[in-house]
N, C-alpha and C. Protein backbone atom coordinates (compact mmCIF):
# COMPACT_ATOMS: atom_id res chain seq x y z
N MET A 1 0.84 -1.19 0.00
CA MET A 1 0.00 0.00 0.00
C MET A 1 0.88 1.24 0.00
N LYS A 2 0.49 2.26 -0.76
CA LYS A 2 1.26 3.48 -0.81
C LYS A 2 1.26 4.16 0.54
N ARG A 3 2.41 4.61 0.98
CA ARG A 3 2.53 5.29 2.26
C ARG A 3 2.73 6.78 2.02
N LEU A 4 2.06 7.59 2.81
CA LEU A 4 2.27 9.02 2.74
C LEU A 4 3.54 9.36 3.49
N THR A 5 4.17 10.42 3.10
CA THR A 5 5.38 10.86 3.79
C THR A 5 5.05 11.91 4.83
N LEU A 6 3.78 12.19 5.07
CA LEU A 6 3.36 13.06 6.16
C LEU A 6 3.52 12.32 7.47
N ALA A 7 4.47 13.14 7.81
CA ALA A 7 4.77 12.40 9.01
C ALA A 7 3.88 11.15 9.04
N VAL A 8 -15.36 8.88 26.00
CA VAL A 8 -15.54 9.45 25.35
C VAL A 8 -15.33 9.62 26.70
N LEU A 9 -15.45 10.10 29.95
CA LEU A 9 -15.60 11.17 30.60
C LEU A 9 -17.06 11.43 30.83
N LEU A 10 -17.71 12.33 30.04
CA LEU A 10 -18.87 12.82 30.76
C LEU A 10 -20.12 12.78 29.90
N CYS A 11 -21.26 12.53 30.52
CA CYS A 11 -22.53 12.63 29.81
C CYS A 11 -22.85 14.11 29.65
N ALA A 12 -23.16 14.54 28.45
CA ALA A 12 -23.52 15.93 28.24
C ALA A 12 -24.81 16.25 28.97
N GLY A 13 -25.75 15.31 28.99
CA GLY A 13 -26.98 15.47 29.74
C GLY A 13 -26.92 14.51 30.90
N CYS A 14 -26.24 14.85 31.96
CA CYS A 14 -25.94 13.92 33.04
C CYS A 14 -27.22 13.31 33.61
N GLY A 15 -27.14 12.02 33.87
CA GLY A 15 -28.24 11.34 34.53
C GLY A 15 -29.21 10.69 33.58
N GLY A 16 -29.17 11.07 32.27
CA GLY A 16 -30.10 10.48 31.34
C GLY A 16 -29.65 9.10 30.90
N LEU A 17 -30.60 8.19 30.75
CA LEU A 17 -30.27 6.85 30.29
C LEU A 17 -29.86 6.89 28.83
N LEU A 18 -28.89 6.08 28.48
CA LEU A 18 -28.54 5.93 27.09
C LEU A 18 -29.64 5.14 26.39
N PRO A 19 -29.98 5.52 25.15
CA PRO A 19 -30.98 4.74 24.44
C PRO A 19 -30.55 3.28 24.35
N GLY A 20 -31.44 2.38 24.71
CA GLY A 20 -31.13 0.97 24.64
C GLY A 20 -30.02 0.56 25.58
N GLY A 21 -29.82 1.31 26.63
CA GLY A 21 -28.66 1.08 27.49
C GLY A 21 -28.84 -0.03 28.48
N ASN A 22 -29.56 -1.07 28.11
CA ASN A 22 -29.80 -2.15 29.03
C ASN A 22 -28.88 -3.33 28.77
N ASP A 23 -27.57 -3.03 28.60
CA ASP A 23 -26.62 -4.10 28.39
C ASP A 23 -26.68 -5.06 29.58
N SER A 24 -26.66 -6.32 29.29
CA SER A 24 -26.75 -7.31 30.36
C SER A 24 -25.47 -7.45 31.14
N GLY A 25 -24.35 -7.01 30.53
CA GLY A 25 -23.06 -7.18 31.18
C GLY A 25 -22.54 -8.60 31.04
N ASN A 26 -23.28 -9.45 30.33
CA ASN A 26 -22.86 -10.84 30.16
C ASN A 26 -22.24 -11.10 28.80
N ASP A 27 -22.20 -10.07 27.97
CA ASP A 27 -21.68 -10.24 26.62
C ASP A 27 -20.16 -10.28 26.67
N THR A 28 -19.59 -11.43 26.48
CA THR A 28 -18.14 -11.57 26.53
C THR A 28 -17.52 -11.57 25.15
N ASP A 29 -18.35 -11.36 24.12
CA ASP A 29 -17.84 -11.35 22.76
C ASP A 29 -17.23 -10.00 22.45
N SER A 30 -16.01 -9.79 22.90
CA SER A 30 -15.31 -8.54 22.62
C SER A 30 -14.24 -8.80 21.59
N GLY A 31 -14.52 -9.70 20.65
CA GLY A 31 -13.55 -10.13 19.66
C GLY A 31 -13.04 -8.99 18.81
N VAL A 32 -11.79 -9.09 18.44
CA VAL A 32 -11.19 -8.10 17.56
C VAL A 32 -10.37 -8.81 16.50
N SER A 33 -10.16 -8.11 15.40
CA SER A 33 -9.28 -8.56 14.34
C SER A 33 -8.36 -7.40 14.02
N ASP A 34 -7.66 -7.44 12.92
CA ASP A 34 -6.88 -6.27 12.54
C ASP A 34 -7.18 -5.91 11.10
N ALA A 35 -6.59 -4.81 10.64
CA ALA A 35 -6.96 -4.27 9.35
C ALA A 35 -6.50 -5.13 8.18
N GLY A 36 -5.55 -6.02 8.44
CA GLY A 36 -5.11 -6.93 7.39
C GLY A 36 -4.33 -6.27 6.29
N ASN A 37 -3.60 -5.18 6.64
CA ASN A 37 -2.78 -4.53 5.63
C ASN A 37 -1.63 -5.39 5.15
N GLY A 38 -1.17 -6.29 6.02
CA GLY A 38 -0.02 -7.09 5.68
C GLY A 38 1.28 -6.33 5.79
N ASN A 39 1.24 -5.14 6.40
CA ASN A 39 2.43 -4.30 6.48
C ASN A 39 3.01 -4.24 7.89
N ASP A 40 2.31 -4.83 8.87
CA ASP A 40 2.80 -4.66 10.23
C ASP A 40 3.91 -5.64 10.58
N GLY A 41 4.08 -6.67 9.79
CA GLY A 41 5.24 -7.54 9.96
C GLY A 41 5.26 -8.37 11.22
N GLY A 42 4.15 -8.46 11.92
CA GLY A 42 4.13 -9.26 13.14
C GLY A 42 4.84 -8.58 14.29
N THR A 43 5.26 -9.39 15.27
CA THR A 43 5.79 -8.84 16.51
C THR A 43 7.12 -8.13 16.30
N ASP A 44 7.98 -8.68 15.46
CA ASP A 44 9.33 -8.14 15.35
C ASP A 44 9.55 -7.27 14.12
N GLY A 45 8.73 -7.48 13.09
CA GLY A 45 8.92 -6.71 11.87
C GLY A 45 8.07 -5.47 11.85
N GLY A 46 7.83 -4.94 10.64
CA GLY A 46 7.00 -3.76 10.51
C GLY A 46 7.78 -2.55 10.08
N PHE A 47 7.07 -1.59 9.52
CA PHE A 47 7.67 -0.35 9.05
C PHE A 47 8.00 0.54 10.23
N SER A 48 9.19 1.10 10.25
CA SER A 48 9.61 1.95 11.37
C SER A 48 8.85 3.27 11.35
N CYS A 49 8.53 3.78 12.54
CA CYS A 49 7.77 5.02 12.64
C CYS A 49 8.07 5.70 13.97
N ASN A 50 7.51 6.88 14.15
CA ASN A 50 7.71 7.66 15.37
C ASN A 50 6.36 8.09 15.92
N ALA A 51 5.92 7.42 16.99
CA ALA A 51 4.61 7.71 17.56
C ALA A 51 4.52 9.14 18.09
N ASP A 52 5.64 9.72 18.48
CA ASP A 52 5.63 11.09 19.00
C ASP A 52 5.29 12.11 17.92
N ALA A 53 5.41 11.69 16.67
CA ALA A 53 5.10 12.60 15.56
C ALA A 53 3.61 12.72 15.32
N GLY A 54 2.82 11.93 16.04
CA GLY A 54 1.37 11.91 15.82
C GLY A 54 0.99 10.75 14.94
N GLN A 55 -0.21 10.24 15.14
CA GLN A 55 -0.67 9.08 14.38
C GLN A 55 -1.22 9.49 13.02
N PRO A 56 -1.00 8.66 12.00
CA PRO A 56 -0.26 7.40 12.01
C PRO A 56 1.20 7.55 11.63
N ASP A 57 1.75 8.76 11.70
CA ASP A 57 3.11 9.06 11.27
C ASP A 57 3.30 8.56 9.84
N LEU A 58 4.27 7.68 9.59
CA LEU A 58 4.52 7.19 8.23
C LEU A 58 3.73 5.94 7.89
N CYS A 59 2.91 5.48 8.80
CA CYS A 59 2.14 4.26 8.57
C CYS A 59 0.99 4.51 7.60
N ALA A 60 0.52 3.43 7.01
CA ALA A 60 -0.57 3.51 6.04
C ALA A 60 -1.91 3.69 6.75
N TYR A 61 -2.91 4.09 5.98
CA TYR A 61 -4.28 4.14 6.49
C TYR A 61 -4.67 2.74 6.98
N GLY A 62 -5.26 2.69 8.18
CA GLY A 62 -5.60 1.40 8.76
C GLY A 62 -4.49 0.83 9.61
N GLU A 63 -3.44 1.61 9.82
CA GLU A 63 -2.35 1.24 10.72
C GLU A 63 -2.15 2.36 11.73
N TYR A 64 -1.38 2.08 12.77
CA TYR A 64 -0.96 3.11 13.71
C TYR A 64 0.48 2.82 14.10
N CYS A 65 1.15 3.80 14.67
CA CYS A 65 2.54 3.62 15.10
C CYS A 65 2.53 3.19 16.57
N ALA A 66 2.95 1.95 16.82
CA ALA A 66 3.00 1.43 18.19
C ALA A 66 4.24 1.97 18.88
N ALA A 67 4.03 2.79 19.90
CA ALA A 67 5.15 3.46 20.57
C ALA A 67 6.13 2.49 21.21
N SER A 68 5.62 1.35 21.68
CA SER A 68 6.48 0.40 22.41
C SER A 68 7.56 -0.21 21.54
N VAL A 69 7.30 -0.29 20.24
CA VAL A 69 8.27 -0.90 19.33
C VAL A 69 8.66 0.03 18.18
N ALA A 70 8.03 1.21 18.10
CA ALA A 70 8.29 2.17 17.02
C ALA A 70 8.10 1.52 15.65
N LYS A 71 7.02 0.73 15.54
CA LYS A 71 6.70 0.03 14.30
C LYS A 71 5.22 0.22 13.97
N CYS A 72 4.91 0.12 12.67
CA CYS A 72 3.51 0.19 12.25
C CYS A 72 2.80 -1.11 12.60
N ARG A 73 1.58 -0.98 13.09
CA ARG A 73 0.74 -2.11 13.41
C ARG A 73 -0.66 -1.87 12.85
N ASP A 74 -1.35 -2.94 12.45
CA ASP A 74 -2.72 -2.81 11.97
C ASP A 74 -3.64 -2.37 13.11
N VAL A 75 -4.58 -1.50 12.80
CA VAL A 75 -5.56 -1.09 13.80
C VAL A 75 -6.55 -2.23 14.04
N GLN A 76 -7.26 -2.12 15.14
CA GLN A 76 -8.30 -3.09 15.46
C GLN A 76 -9.48 -2.97 14.49
N VAL A 77 -10.01 -4.11 14.11
CA VAL A 77 -11.28 -4.16 13.40
C VAL A 77 -12.21 -4.98 14.28
N GLY A 78 -13.04 -4.30 15.05
CA GLY A 78 -13.85 -4.96 16.06
C GLY A 78 -14.83 -5.97 15.48
N THR A 79 -14.86 -7.15 16.08
CA THR A 79 -15.78 -8.20 15.63
C THR A 79 -16.80 -8.57 16.70
N CYS A 80 -16.95 -7.71 17.73
CA CYS A 80 -17.93 -7.99 18.78
C CYS A 80 -19.33 -8.00 18.20
N SER A 81 -20.23 -8.69 18.86
CA SER A 81 -21.60 -8.86 18.35
C SER A 81 -22.40 -7.57 18.37
N ASN A 82 -21.87 -6.51 18.96
CA ASN A 82 -22.54 -5.21 18.92
C ASN A 82 -22.76 -4.78 17.47
N PHE A 83 -21.79 -5.12 16.61
CA PHE A 83 -21.88 -4.78 15.19
C PHE A 83 -22.50 -5.96 14.44
N GLY A 84 -23.76 -5.83 14.09
CA GLY A 84 -24.46 -6.90 13.40
C GLY A 84 -23.93 -7.14 11.99
N SER A 85 -24.38 -8.21 11.38
CA SER A 85 -23.88 -8.61 10.07
C SER A 85 -24.16 -7.59 8.98
N THR A 86 -25.17 -6.74 9.18
CA THR A 86 -25.51 -5.74 8.16
C THR A 86 -25.04 -4.34 8.56
N HIS A 87 -24.26 -4.24 9.62
CA HIS A 87 -23.81 -2.91 10.06
C HIS A 87 -22.90 -2.27 9.02
N SER A 88 -22.96 -0.96 8.92
CA SER A 88 -22.19 -0.24 7.90
C SER A 88 -20.69 -0.47 8.02
N THR A 89 -20.19 -0.73 9.23
CA THR A 89 -18.75 -0.91 9.40
C THR A 89 -18.26 -2.22 8.78
N LYS A 90 -19.16 -3.13 8.46
CA LYS A 90 -18.74 -4.39 7.84
C LYS A 90 -18.12 -4.16 6.46
N SER A 91 -18.41 -3.01 5.87
CA SER A 91 -17.85 -2.70 4.55
C SER A 91 -16.56 -1.88 4.65
N TRP A 92 -16.10 -1.61 5.90
CA TRP A 92 -14.87 -0.84 6.03
C TRP A 92 -13.70 -1.63 5.45
N ASN A 93 -12.88 -0.92 4.64
CA ASN A 93 -11.77 -1.57 3.96
C ASN A 93 -10.62 -0.58 3.84
N VAL A 94 -9.41 -1.05 4.11
CA VAL A 94 -8.25 -0.15 4.10
C VAL A 94 -7.95 0.41 2.71
N THR A 95 -8.42 -0.25 1.68
CA THR A 95 -8.11 0.22 0.33
C THR A 95 -9.16 1.15 -0.25
N THR A 96 -10.37 1.14 0.33
CA THR A 96 -11.44 1.96 -0.24
C THR A 96 -12.05 2.96 0.73
N SER A 97 -11.87 2.76 2.03
CA SER A 97 -12.50 3.63 3.02
C SER A 97 -11.60 4.83 3.36
N THR A 98 -12.22 5.86 3.89
CA THR A 98 -11.47 7.09 4.21
C THR A 98 -11.87 7.69 5.55
N GLY A 99 -12.73 7.02 6.32
CA GLY A 99 -13.22 7.58 7.57
C GLY A 99 -12.16 7.66 8.65
N HIS A 100 -12.44 8.46 9.67
CA HIS A 100 -11.52 8.59 10.80
C HIS A 100 -11.30 7.22 11.46
N ILE A 101 -10.09 7.02 11.94
CA ILE A 101 -9.68 5.74 12.52
C ILE A 101 -9.63 5.82 14.04
N LEU A 102 -10.19 4.82 14.71
CA LEU A 102 -10.00 4.63 16.14
C LEU A 102 -8.86 3.63 16.32
N TRP A 103 -7.80 4.06 17.01
CA TRP A 103 -6.62 3.19 17.10
C TRP A 103 -6.27 2.80 18.53
N ASP A 104 -6.87 3.44 19.52
CA ASP A 104 -6.54 3.09 20.90
C ASP A 104 -7.72 3.42 21.81
N GLY A 105 -7.87 2.63 22.87
CA GLY A 105 -8.90 2.87 23.86
C GLY A 105 -8.40 2.52 25.24
N VAL A 106 -8.82 3.29 26.23
CA VAL A 106 -8.42 3.06 27.62
C VAL A 106 -9.66 2.96 28.49
N ASP A 107 -9.79 1.86 29.21
CA ASP A 107 -10.84 1.70 30.21
C ASP A 107 -10.37 2.41 31.46
N GLU A 108 -10.92 3.59 31.73
CA GLU A 108 -10.43 4.42 32.83
C GLU A 108 -10.69 3.73 34.18
N ALA A 109 -9.69 3.79 35.04
CA ALA A 109 -9.79 3.15 36.36
C ALA A 109 -10.84 3.82 37.23
N ASN A 110 -11.00 5.12 37.07
CA ASN A 110 -11.95 5.89 37.88
C ASN A 110 -13.18 6.23 37.05
N ASP A 111 -14.22 5.43 37.21
CA ASP A 111 -15.48 5.71 36.52
C ASP A 111 -16.19 6.87 37.22
N VAL A 112 -16.73 7.79 36.43
CA VAL A 112 -17.29 9.03 36.97
C VAL A 112 -18.76 8.84 37.32
N GLN A 113 -19.01 8.47 38.56
CA GLN A 113 -20.39 8.23 39.00
C GLN A 113 -21.23 9.50 38.93
N ALA A 114 -20.62 10.64 39.13
CA ALA A 114 -21.35 11.91 39.12
C ALA A 114 -22.00 12.20 37.78
N ASP A 115 -21.56 11.53 36.74
CA ASP A 115 -22.11 11.76 35.41
C ASP A 115 -23.28 10.83 35.10
N CYS A 116 -23.65 10.02 36.07
CA CYS A 116 -24.80 9.12 35.92
C CYS A 116 -25.71 9.29 37.13
N GLN A 117 -26.91 8.79 37.03
CA GLN A 117 -27.80 8.77 38.17
C GLN A 117 -27.28 7.75 39.19
N THR A 118 -27.73 7.90 40.43
CA THR A 118 -27.21 7.03 41.50
C THR A 118 -27.56 5.56 41.27
N THR A 119 -28.62 5.29 40.52
CA THR A 119 -29.02 3.91 40.26
C THR A 119 -28.35 3.33 39.01
N GLN A 120 -27.57 4.16 38.34
CA GLN A 120 -26.90 3.73 37.12
C GLN A 120 -25.45 3.36 37.39
N THR A 121 -24.87 2.58 36.49
CA THR A 121 -23.46 2.20 36.60
C THR A 121 -22.65 2.96 35.56
N PRO A 122 -21.61 3.68 35.97
CA PRO A 122 -20.78 4.43 35.02
C PRO A 122 -19.62 3.59 34.48
N PHE A 123 -19.33 3.77 33.22
CA PHE A 123 -18.16 3.17 32.58
C PHE A 123 -17.46 4.27 31.79
N THR A 124 -16.36 4.77 32.32
CA THR A 124 -15.66 5.88 31.69
C THR A 124 -14.55 5.36 30.78
N VAL A 125 -14.50 5.88 29.58
CA VAL A 125 -13.58 5.39 28.56
C VAL A 125 -12.92 6.55 27.82
N THR A 126 -11.68 6.35 27.40
CA THR A 126 -10.98 7.31 26.56
C THR A 126 -10.64 6.64 25.24
N LEU A 127 -11.00 7.29 24.14
CA LEU A 127 -10.70 6.79 22.80
C LEU A 127 -9.78 7.76 22.09
N LYS A 128 -8.90 7.21 21.25
CA LYS A 128 -7.99 8.03 20.46
C LYS A 128 -8.20 7.73 18.98
N GLY A 129 -8.24 8.79 18.18
CA GLY A 129 -8.47 8.61 16.75
C GLY A 129 -7.55 9.49 15.92
N TYR A 130 -7.45 9.13 14.65
CA TYR A 130 -6.69 9.99 13.73
C TYR A 130 -7.44 10.15 12.42
N ALA A 131 -7.16 11.27 11.76
CA ALA A 131 -7.70 11.55 10.43
C ALA A 131 -6.56 11.36 9.43
N PHE A 132 -6.86 10.83 8.28
CA PHE A 132 -5.82 10.47 7.32
C PHE A 132 -5.91 11.32 6.05
N GLY A 133 -4.78 11.45 5.36
CA GLY A 133 -4.76 12.20 4.11
C GLY A 133 -5.03 13.67 4.34
N SER A 134 -5.96 14.23 3.59
CA SER A 134 -6.29 15.66 3.74
C SER A 134 -7.35 15.90 4.81
N ALA A 135 -7.90 14.83 5.38
CA ALA A 135 -8.95 14.98 6.39
C ALA A 135 -8.38 15.52 7.70
N THR A 136 -9.21 16.22 8.46
CA THR A 136 -8.83 16.74 9.77
C THR A 136 -10.01 16.59 10.73
N PHE A 137 -9.71 16.76 12.03
CA PHE A 137 -10.77 16.82 13.03
C PHE A 137 -11.23 18.26 13.17
N PRO A 138 -12.52 18.48 13.44
CA PRO A 138 -13.02 19.84 13.64
C PRO A 138 -12.66 20.36 15.02
N ASN A 139 -12.70 21.67 15.18
CA ASN A 139 -12.47 22.26 16.50
C ASN A 139 -13.61 21.95 17.45
N GLN A 140 -14.81 21.91 16.93
CA GLN A 140 -16.00 21.71 17.75
C GLN A 140 -16.45 20.26 17.67
N LYS A 141 -16.69 19.65 18.82
CA LYS A 141 -17.10 18.25 18.86
C LYS A 141 -18.43 18.03 18.15
N SER A 142 -19.26 19.05 18.09
CA SER A 142 -20.55 18.93 17.43
C SER A 142 -20.41 18.74 15.92
N ASN A 143 -19.23 19.04 15.38
CA ASN A 143 -18.99 18.90 13.94
C ASN A 143 -18.27 17.61 13.59
N LEU A 144 -18.11 16.72 14.56
CA LEU A 144 -17.49 15.44 14.27
C LEU A 144 -18.31 14.69 13.22
N PRO A 145 -17.64 14.04 12.27
CA PRO A 145 -18.35 13.40 11.13
C PRO A 145 -18.94 12.05 11.46
N GLY A 146 -19.91 12.02 12.39
CA GLY A 146 -20.55 10.77 12.76
C GLY A 146 -19.66 9.97 13.69
N PHE A 147 -20.01 9.93 14.97
CA PHE A 147 -19.20 9.24 15.99
C PHE A 147 -20.18 8.58 16.94
N PHE A 148 -20.18 7.23 17.01
CA PHE A 148 -21.26 6.51 17.68
C PHE A 148 -20.77 5.45 18.65
N TYR A 149 -21.58 5.26 19.72
CA TYR A 149 -21.46 4.14 20.63
C TYR A 149 -22.53 3.14 20.26
N VAL A 150 -22.15 1.85 20.20
CA VAL A 150 -23.09 0.77 19.88
C VAL A 150 -23.10 -0.19 21.07
N ASN A 151 -24.26 -0.37 21.70
CA ASN A 151 -24.30 -1.26 22.86
C ASN A 151 -24.49 -2.71 22.43
N SER A 152 -24.61 -3.60 23.39
CA SER A 152 -24.64 -5.04 23.09
C SER A 152 -25.90 -5.48 22.36
N THR A 153 -26.94 -4.63 22.35
CA THR A 153 -28.15 -4.96 21.59
C THR A 153 -28.13 -4.35 20.19
N GLY A 154 -27.07 -3.60 19.88
CA GLY A 154 -26.96 -2.96 18.59
C GLY A 154 -27.53 -1.56 18.54
N THR A 155 -28.06 -1.07 19.66
CA THR A 155 -28.61 0.29 19.71
C THR A 155 -27.48 1.31 19.71
N GLU A 156 -27.62 2.36 18.90
CA GLU A 156 -26.56 3.34 18.73
C GLU A 156 -26.89 4.65 19.44
N THR A 157 -25.84 5.28 19.98
CA THR A 157 -25.95 6.58 20.63
C THR A 157 -24.96 7.53 19.99
N ASP A 158 -25.43 8.72 19.62
CA ASP A 158 -24.58 9.76 19.05
C ASP A 158 -23.68 10.31 20.17
N ILE A 159 -22.39 10.03 20.10
CA ILE A 159 -21.48 10.41 21.18
C ILE A 159 -21.34 11.92 21.33
N PRO A 160 -21.07 12.69 20.27
CA PRO A 160 -20.94 14.14 20.45
C PRO A 160 -22.20 14.80 21.00
N LEU A 161 -23.36 14.31 20.59
CA LEU A 161 -24.61 14.91 21.02
C LEU A 161 -24.98 14.54 22.44
N ASN A 162 -24.75 13.30 22.83
CA ASN A 162 -25.27 12.80 24.10
C ASN A 162 -24.24 12.51 25.19
N LEU A 163 -22.99 12.34 24.83
CA LEU A 163 -22.02 11.87 25.82
C LEU A 163 -20.79 12.77 25.98
N LEU A 164 -20.31 13.32 24.92
CA LEU A 164 -19.02 14.00 24.92
C LEU A 164 -19.15 15.50 25.21
N LYS A 165 -18.39 15.96 26.20
CA LYS A 165 -18.33 17.40 26.48
C LYS A 165 -17.18 18.03 25.69
N GLN A 166 -17.37 19.27 25.30
CA GLN A 166 -16.34 19.97 24.53
C GLN A 166 -15.00 19.98 25.26
N SER A 167 -15.04 20.15 26.58
CA SER A 167 -13.80 20.22 27.36
C SER A 167 -13.04 18.90 27.37
N ASN A 168 -13.72 17.82 27.04
CA ASN A 168 -13.09 16.51 27.05
C ASN A 168 -12.84 15.98 25.64
N TYR A 169 -12.87 16.90 24.70
CA TYR A 169 -12.55 16.62 23.30
C TYR A 169 -11.28 17.40 22.97
N ILE A 170 -10.16 16.69 22.88
CA ILE A 170 -8.86 17.33 22.72
C ILE A 170 -8.31 17.03 21.33
N VAL A 171 -8.03 18.09 20.56
CA VAL A 171 -7.54 17.94 19.20
C VAL A 171 -6.10 18.46 19.12
N SER A 172 -5.25 17.76 18.39
CA SER A 172 -3.86 18.18 18.22
C SER A 172 -3.78 19.48 17.42
N THR A 173 -2.65 20.14 17.50
CA THR A 173 -2.49 21.44 16.82
C THR A 173 -2.61 21.32 15.31
N ASP A 174 -2.25 20.15 14.76
CA ASP A 174 -2.37 19.97 13.31
C ASP A 174 -3.73 19.42 12.90
N MET A 175 -4.61 19.22 13.88
CA MET A 175 -5.98 18.77 13.66
C MET A 175 -6.07 17.34 13.10
N LYS A 176 -5.00 16.57 13.25
CA LYS A 176 -4.99 15.22 12.70
C LYS A 176 -5.30 14.15 13.75
N ASN A 177 -5.13 14.48 15.03
CA ASN A 177 -5.35 13.51 16.10
C ASN A 177 -6.34 14.08 17.12
N ALA A 178 -7.13 13.19 17.72
CA ALA A 178 -8.09 13.63 18.73
C ALA A 178 -8.20 12.59 19.84
N THR A 179 -8.41 13.09 21.06
CA THR A 179 -8.65 12.25 22.23
C THR A 179 -10.01 12.61 22.81
N MET A 180 -10.81 11.59 23.07
CA MET A 180 -12.18 11.81 23.50
C MET A 180 -12.48 10.94 24.72
N THR A 181 -12.88 11.57 25.82
CA THR A 181 -13.18 10.84 27.05
C THR A 181 -14.63 11.10 27.46
N PHE A 182 -15.35 10.04 27.80
CA PHE A 182 -16.77 10.19 28.15
C PHE A 182 -17.21 9.00 28.98
N THR A 183 -18.40 9.09 29.57
CA THR A 183 -18.92 8.04 30.43
C THR A 183 -20.21 7.45 29.86
N LEU A 184 -20.25 6.12 29.83
CA LEU A 184 -21.47 5.40 29.47
C LEU A 184 -22.21 5.07 30.76
N CYS A 185 -23.51 5.29 30.78
CA CYS A 185 -24.32 5.01 31.97
C CYS A 185 -25.30 3.87 31.67
N THR A 186 -25.24 2.81 32.44
CA THR A 186 -26.19 1.71 32.27
C THR A 186 -27.24 1.80 33.38
N PRO A 187 -28.48 1.35 33.12
CA PRO A 187 -29.57 1.58 34.06
C PRO A 187 -29.58 0.68 35.28
N THR A 188 -28.72 -0.33 35.30
CA THR A 188 -28.69 -1.25 36.43
C THR A 188 -27.25 -1.43 36.92
N VAL A 189 -27.10 -2.04 38.07
CA VAL A 189 -25.76 -2.32 38.61
C VAL A 189 -25.11 -3.42 37.78
N GLN A 190 -23.96 -3.12 37.23
CA GLN A 190 -23.24 -4.07 36.40
C GLN A 190 -21.75 -3.95 36.67
N THR A 191 -21.02 -4.99 36.36
CA THR A 191 -19.57 -4.96 36.55
C THR A 191 -18.81 -4.94 35.24
N MET A 192 -19.48 -5.21 34.12
CA MET A 192 -18.81 -5.28 32.83
C MET A 192 -19.79 -5.07 31.70
N ILE A 193 -19.37 -4.37 30.66
CA ILE A 193 -20.14 -4.28 29.43
C ILE A 193 -19.18 -4.41 28.25
N THR A 194 -19.70 -4.83 27.12
CA THR A 194 -18.96 -4.80 25.87
C THR A 194 -19.49 -3.63 25.06
N ALA A 195 -18.59 -2.74 24.65
CA ALA A 195 -18.98 -1.52 23.95
C ALA A 195 -18.35 -1.49 22.57
N GLY A 196 -19.12 -1.01 21.60
CA GLY A 196 -18.61 -0.81 20.25
C GLY A 196 -18.62 0.67 19.91
N PHE A 197 -17.63 1.11 19.15
CA PHE A 197 -17.51 2.51 18.76
C PHE A 197 -17.08 2.60 17.30
N TYR A 198 -17.48 3.67 16.63
CA TYR A 198 -16.99 3.88 15.26
C TYR A 198 -17.26 5.30 14.79
N PHE A 199 -16.45 5.74 13.85
CA PHE A 199 -16.71 6.95 13.08
C PHE A 199 -17.33 6.52 11.76
N THR A 200 -18.20 7.35 11.21
CA THR A 200 -18.77 7.05 9.91
C THR A 200 -17.64 6.87 8.90
N GLY A 201 -17.66 5.73 8.22
CA GLY A 201 -16.62 5.45 7.24
C GLY A 201 -15.33 4.91 7.83
N GLY A 202 -15.31 4.69 9.17
CA GLY A 202 -14.09 4.23 9.84
C GLY A 202 -14.23 2.81 10.36
N ASN A 203 -13.20 2.34 11.05
CA ASN A 203 -13.15 0.96 11.54
C ASN A 203 -14.02 0.76 12.77
N PRO A 204 -14.62 -0.42 12.90
CA PRO A 204 -15.35 -0.75 14.15
C PRO A 204 -14.34 -1.05 15.24
N PHE A 205 -14.63 -0.58 16.45
CA PHE A 205 -13.68 -0.70 17.57
C PHE A 205 -14.44 -1.23 18.78
N CYS A 206 -14.00 -2.36 19.34
CA CYS A 206 -14.68 -3.00 20.47
C CYS A 206 -13.83 -2.94 21.73
N MET A 207 -14.50 -2.76 22.87
CA MET A 207 -13.82 -2.77 24.16
C MET A 207 -14.69 -3.45 25.21
N THR A 208 -14.06 -4.19 26.11
CA THR A 208 -14.73 -4.66 27.30
C THR A 208 -14.41 -3.68 28.43
N LEU A 209 -15.44 -3.06 29.00
CA LEU A 209 -15.26 -2.06 30.05
C LEU A 209 -15.69 -2.65 31.39
N ASN A 210 -14.89 -2.42 32.40
CA ASN A 210 -15.16 -2.94 33.73
C ASN A 210 -15.43 -1.83 34.72
N HIS A 211 -16.27 -2.12 35.67
CA HIS A 211 -16.58 -1.15 36.73
C HIS A 211 -16.13 -1.71 38.08
């Protein structure tokens, strides 16, 4: 593949239930695959890169620069059951797609209970994404090009509209990278959920979140 030489936290409406937010917490299908570029070279090989330069640095679309080894690695292509067989992300392809990429996620140790009702369970997560080619991230989170949470029943929630606060949407100076932290609220006491996330035209990304 041609390589370029260029180099969600808080509920916006705190306390409201997420649409379809009745995840059972029993869904253990958090399966993932990778983009299948064939360029990551496995554990020891791969194209050299510099993660400090911003993602994906010299890596191809559908890859990211793994800081631990300074090598290109394929991004996750989530295969959790949150994304049904007819979901739009099933057509995501590194050779034809151009949507923003989700390349990393962190299950935050401190879930923000204050962003949910007292009877709800909070799951706070941080996602990192990059824009490729001439694409950039907007300054305002409300202008994000389709950014969604998909629960275990397949119900989708618009993250910028319902979950993400502007203060927790951090964009790099070159507008190519973004970090987004937000809290998912479930209506019952739970210890684990499987969550799916994606940008329109981008890769499906699955995470198991623990409380």
